[in-house]
Amino acid sequence: METNGSIKSMLLYLQQFGVYGLLALGLTLVVLRRLYPQGVWREGPLRLAFWSMNGGLVLMIALSLLPIGLMQTWASIEHGLWYARSAEFLQQPIMEALRWLRTIGDTVFLIGVGALAYFVIGLITGWSYQKDDTIHDVPVNSIAKKQPV
């Protein structure tokens, strides 16, 4: 029996964004830190970007890809792969509704992309840096020194 395409696409989304996408975003932030080292970053947009992108991915999978994949798997077991991939099966109202539910996850994901773009533009224009009065640096002379024994 062949594994259906929806389960494979769900695993591909998890793998591609979960591993490579977050790794690429982390590398991007490291490079941006080296390019724009002059201040303390505001973390709000980055926090929103992180949670929105991950939450959007979870919503895409939970609301659309996983249910469609499980329904196709069941149809493939019961009636054969030809039926699970047929227009008769895929054009059922429940399948169309599940495909439309994916837009909820897509929208949440795009909010995260927008927050990240806002942050990167803010690095160039200056609004992604904390103001001087909100920086809480520890004075160097307050750090405990090693006492001789």
C-alpha atoms as a PDB file:
ATOM      1  CA  MET A   1       0.000   0.000   0.000  1.00  0.00           C
ATOM      2  CA  GLU A   2       1.370   3.429  -0.919  1.00  0.00           C
ATOM      3  CA  THR A   3       1.374   6.257   1.617  1.00  0.00           C
ATOM      4  CA  ASN A   4      -0.885   9.065   0.492  1.00  0.00           C
ATOM      5  CA  GLY A   5       0.354  12.486  -0.547  1.00  0.00           C
ATOM      6  CA  SER A   6      -1.286  14.566   2.196  1.00  0.00           C
ATOM      7  CA  ILE A   7       0.580  12.824   5.003  1.00  0.00           C
ATOM      8  CA  LYS A   8       3.806  13.233   3.034  1.00  0.00           C
ATOM      9  CA  SER A   9       3.111  16.933   2.467  1.00  0.00           C
ATOM     10  CA  MET A  10       2.398  17.425   6.172  1.00  0.00           C
ATOM     11  CA  LEU A  11       5.711  15.820   7.101  1.00  0.00           C
ATOM     12  CA  LEU A  12       7.450  17.896   4.442  1.00  0.00           C
ATOM     13  CA  TYR A  13       6.048  21.110   5.957  1.00  0.00           C
ATOM     14  CA  LEU A  14       7.230  20.077   9.411  1.00  0.00           C
ATOM     15  CA  GLN A  15      10.662  19.123   8.169  1.00  0.00           C
ATOM     16  CA  GLN A  16      11.279  22.032   5.838  1.00  0.00           C
ATOM     17  CA  PHE A  17      10.136  24.812   8.124  1.00  0.00           C
ATOM     18  CA  GLY A  18      10.727  23.183  11.480  1.00  0.00           C
ATOM     19  CA  VAL A  19      14.325  22.268  10.769  1.00  0.00           C
ATOM     20  CA  TYR A  20      15.625  24.275   7.864  1.00  0.00           C
ATOM     21  CA  GLY A  21      13.357  27.295   8.148  1.00  0.00           C
ATOM     22  CA  LEU A  22      14.046  28.015  11.804  1.00  0.00           C
ATOM     23  CA  LEU A  23      17.745  27.314  11.287  1.00  0.00           C
ATOM     24  CA  ALA A  24      17.808  29.799   8.407  1.00  0.00           C
ATOM     25  CA  LEU A  25      15.950  32.412  10.476  1.00  0.00           C
ATOM     26  CA  GLY A  26      18.393  31.917  13.345  1.00  0.00           C
ATOM     27  CA  LEU A  27      21.339  32.344  10.993  1.00  0.00           C
ATOM     28  CA  THR A  28      19.706  35.456   9.553  1.00  0.00           C
ATOM     29  CA  LEU A  29      19.403  36.961  13.035  1.00  0.00           C
ATOM     30  CA  VAL A  30      23.065  36.146  13.790  1.00  0.00           C
ATOM     31  CA  VAL A  31      24.129  37.889  10.583  1.00  0.00           C
ATOM     32  CA  LEU A  32      21.861  40.866  11.330  1.00  0.00           C
ATOM     33  CA  ARG A  33      23.373  41.138  14.811  1.00  0.00           C
ATOM     34  CA  ARG A  34      26.829  41.360  13.227  1.00  0.00           C
ATOM     35  CA  LEU A  35      25.666  43.888  10.618  1.00  0.00           C
ATOM     36  CA  TYR A  36      23.820  46.119  13.125  1.00  0.00           C
ATOM     37  CA  PRO A  37      25.674  45.794  16.459  1.00  0.00           C
ATOM     38  CA  GLN A  38      25.071  49.350  17.714  1.00  0.00           C
ATOM     39  CA  GLY A  39      22.188  48.832  20.138  1.00  0.00           C
ATOM     40  CA  VAL A  40      19.991  46.553  22.179  1.00  0.00           C
ATOM     41  CA  TRP A  41      17.227  45.014  20.084  1.00  0.00           C
ATOM     42  CA  ARG A  42      13.564  45.293  20.968  1.00  0.00           C
ATOM     43  CA  GLU A  43      12.419  41.703  21.361  1.00  0.00           C
ATOM     44  CA  GLY A  44       8.678  42.206  20.897  1.00  0.00           C
ATOM     45  CA  PRO A  45       8.587  41.892  17.095  1.00  0.00           C
ATOM     46  CA  LEU A  46      10.931  38.886  17.204  1.00  0.00           C
ATOM     47  CA  ARG A  47       8.810  37.190  19.851  1.00  0.00           C
ATOM     48  CA  LEU A  48       5.674  37.806  17.784  1.00  0.00           C
ATOM     49  CA  ALA A  49       7.409  36.493  14.658  1.00  0.00           C
ATOM     50  CA  PHE A  50       8.616  33.322  16.384  1.00  0.00           C
ATOM     51  CA  TRP A  51       5.310  32.405  17.987  1.00  0.00           C
ATOM     52  CA  SER A  52       3.186  33.387  14.976  1.00  0.00           C
ATOM     53  CA  MET A  53       5.240  31.384  12.499  1.00  0.00           C
ATOM     54  CA  ASN A  54       5.294  28.303  14.715  1.00  0.00           C
ATOM     55  CA  GLY A  55       1.648  28.676  15.708  1.00  0.00           C
ATOM     56  CA  GLY A  56       0.628  29.162  12.083  1.00  0.00           C
ATOM     57  CA  LEU A  57       2.491  26.006  11.096  1.00  0.00           C
ATOM     58  CA  VAL A  58       0.744  24.046  13.854  1.00  0.00           C
ATOM     59  CA  LEU A  59      -2.645  25.419  12.785  1.00  0.00           C
ATOM     60  CA  MET A  60      -2.013  24.540   9.116  1.00  0.00           C
ATOM     61  CA  ILE A  61      -1.238  20.984  10.094  1.00  0.00           C
ATOM     62  CA  ALA A  62      -3.908  20.519  12.768  1.00  0.00           C
ATOM     63  CA  LEU A  63      -6.793  22.153  10.891  1.00  0.00           C
ATOM     64  CA  SER A  64      -6.100  21.016   7.351  1.00  0.00           C
ATOM     65  CA  LEU A  65      -3.196  18.795   6.396  1.00  0.00           C
ATOM     66  CA  LEU A  66      -3.532  16.147   9.096  1.00  0.00           C
ATOM     67  CA  PRO A  67      -7.331  15.676   8.831  1.00  0.00           C
ATOM     68  CA  ILE A  68      -7.184  15.535   5.021  1.00  0.00           C
ATOM     69  CA  GLY A  69      -4.288  13.094   5.164  1.00  0.00           C
ATOM     70  CA  LEU A  70      -6.078  10.840   7.651  1.00  0.00           C
ATOM     71  CA  MET A  71      -9.272  10.905   5.582  1.00  0.00           C
ATOM     72  CA  GLN A  72      -7.310  10.025   2.452  1.00  0.00           C
ATOM     73  CA  THR A  73      -5.535   7.222   4.293  1.00  0.00           C
ATOM     74  CA  TRP A  74      -8.832   5.770   5.460  1.00  0.00           C
ATOM     75  CA  ALA A  75     -10.338   6.069   1.971  1.00  0.00           C
ATOM     76  CA  SER A  76      -7.256   4.428   0.487  1.00  0.00           C
ATOM     77  CA  ILE A  77      -7.512   1.488   2.892  1.00  0.00           C
ATOM     78  CA  GLU A  78     -11.258   1.058   2.422  1.00  0.00           C
ATOM     79  CA  HIS A  79     -11.656   1.718  -1.322  1.00  0.00           C
ATOM     80  CA  GLY A  80      -8.179   1.917  -2.847  1.00  0.00           C
ATOM     81  CA  LEU A  81      -5.694   4.614  -3.709  1.00  0.00           C
ATOM     82  CA  TRP A  82      -7.521   5.492  -6.925  1.00  0.00           C
ATOM     83  CA  TYR A  83     -10.574   6.590  -4.900  1.00  0.00           C
ATOM     84  CA  ALA A  84      -8.560   8.540  -2.291  1.00  0.00           C
ATOM     85  CA  ARG A  85      -7.060  10.629  -5.094  1.00  0.00           C
ATOM     86  CA  SER A  86     -10.170  10.939  -7.229  1.00  0.00           C
ATOM     87  CA  ALA A  87     -12.110  14.151  -7.794  1.00  0.00           C
ATOM     88  CA  GLU A  88     -15.179  12.450  -6.330  1.00  0.00           C
ATOM     89  CA  PHE A  89     -13.425  12.110  -2.980  1.00  0.00           C
ATOM     90  CA  LEU A  90     -11.429  15.341  -3.001  1.00  0.00           C
ATOM     91  CA  GLN A  91     -14.394  17.546  -3.973  1.00  0.00           C
ATOM     92  CA  GLN A  92     -16.584  16.510  -1.043  1.00  0.00           C
ATOM     93  CA  PRO A  93     -17.827  19.466   1.030  1.00  0.00           C
ATOM     94  CA  ILE A  94     -15.865  18.367   4.115  1.00  0.00           C
ATOM     95  CA  MET A  95     -12.635  18.193   2.114  1.00  0.00           C
ATOM     96  CA  GLU A  96     -13.203  21.649   0.645  1.00  0.00           C
ATOM     97  CA  ALA A  97     -13.930  23.025   4.114  1.00  0.00           C
ATOM     98  CA  LEU A  98     -10.717  21.493   5.468  1.00  0.00           C
ATOM     99  CA  ARG A  99      -8.733  23.027   2.611  1.00  0.00           C
ATOM    100  CA  TRP A 100     -10.227  26.438   3.413  1.00  0.00           C
ATOM    101  CA  LEU A 101      -9.427  26.026   7.120  1.00  0.00           C
ATOM    102  CA  ARG A 102      -5.773  26.054   6.196  1.00  0.00           C
ATOM    103  CA  THR A 103      -6.039  29.793   5.512  1.00  0.00           C
ATOM    104  CA  ILE A 104      -6.336  30.390   9.267  1.00  0.00           C
ATOM    105  CA  GLY A 105      -2.873  28.916   9.801  1.00  0.00           C
ATOM    106  CA  ASP A 106      -1.544  30.690   6.725  1.00  0.00           C
ATOM    107  CA  THR A 107      -2.787  34.034   8.073  1.00  0.00           C
ATOM    108  CA  VAL A 108      -1.199  33.495  11.497  1.00  0.00           C
ATOM    109  CA  PHE A 109       2.049  32.470   9.777  1.00  0.00           C
ATOM    110  CA  LEU A 110       1.988  35.606   7.607  1.00  0.00           C
ATOM    111  CA  ILE A 111       1.549  37.781  10.704  1.00  0.00           C
ATOM    112  CA  GLY A 112       4.864  36.344  11.896  1.00  0.00           C
ATOM    113  CA  VAL A 113       6.498  37.023   8.539  1.00  0.00           C
ATOM    114  CA  GLY A 114       5.233  40.601   8.699  1.00  0.00           C
ATOM    115  CA  ALA A 115       6.581  41.044  12.247  1.00  0.00           C
ATOM    116  CA  LEU A 116       9.995  39.782  11.144  1.00  0.00           C
ATOM    117  CA  ALA A 117      10.000  42.100   8.113  1.00  0.00           C
ATOM    118  CA  TYR A 118       8.948  45.011  10.365  1.00  0.00           C
ATOM    119  CA  PHE A 119      11.846  44.196  12.697  1.00  0.00           C
ATOM    120  CA  VAL A 120      14.441  43.982   9.903  1.00  0.00           C
ATOM    121  CA  ILE A 121      13.267  47.276   8.384  1.00  0.00           C
ATOM    122  CA  GLY A 122      13.411  48.716  11.888  1.00  0.00           C
ATOM    123  CA  LEU A 123      17.072  47.762  12.152  1.00  0.00           C
ATOM    124  CA  ILE A 124      17.771  49.927   9.134  1.00  0.00           C
ATOM    125  CA  THR A 125      15.590  52.834  10.245  1.00  0.00           C
ATOM    126  CA  GLY A 126      16.315  52.563  13.980  1.00  0.00           C
ATOM    127  CA  TRP A 127      12.942  51.729  15.527  1.00  0.00           C
ATOM    128  CA  SER A 128      13.961  48.130  16.351  1.00  0.00           C
ATOM    129  CA  TYR A 129      16.403  49.334  18.983  1.00  0.00           C
ATOM    130  CA  GLN A 130      15.542  49.972  22.618  1.00  0.00           C
ATOM    131  CA  LYS A 131      15.728  53.548  23.796  1.00  0.00           C
ATOM    132  CA  ASP A 132      18.633  54.515  26.058  1.00  0.00           C
ATOM    133  CA  ASP A 133      16.444  54.815  29.160  1.00  0.00           C
ATOM    134  CA  THR A 134      15.249  51.176  28.886  1.00  0.00           C
ATOM    135  CA  ILE A 135      18.705  49.599  28.709  1.00  0.00           C
ATOM    136  CA  HIS A 136      19.606  47.906  31.962  1.00  0.00           C
ATOM    137  CA  ASP A 137      23.347  47.313  31.748  1.00  0.00           C
ATOM    138  CA  VAL A 138      25.172  45.972  34.779  1.00  0.00           C
ATOM    139  CA  PRO A 139      28.011  48.325  35.783  1.00  0.00           C
ATOM    140  CA  VAL A 140      31.411  46.690  35.422  1.00  0.00           C
ATOM    141  CA  ASN A 141      32.525  47.670  38.937  1.00  0.00           C
ATOM    142  CA  SER A 142      29.510  45.887  40.492  1.00  0.00           C
ATOM    143  CA  ILE A 143      30.629  42.480  39.247  1.00  0.00           C
ATOM    144  CA  ALA A 144      32.102  40.481  42.106  1.00  0.00           C
ATOM    145  CA  LYS A 145      35.833  40.005  41.817  1.00  0.00           C
ATOM    146  CA  LYS A 146      37.599  36.811  42.725  1.00  0.00           C
ATOM    147  CA  GLN A 147      38.856  37.092  46.294  1.00  0.00           C
ATOM    148  CA  PRO A 148      42.359  35.830  47.113  1.00  0.00           C
ATOM    149  CA  VAL A 149      42.411  32.742  49.306  1.00  0.00           C
END
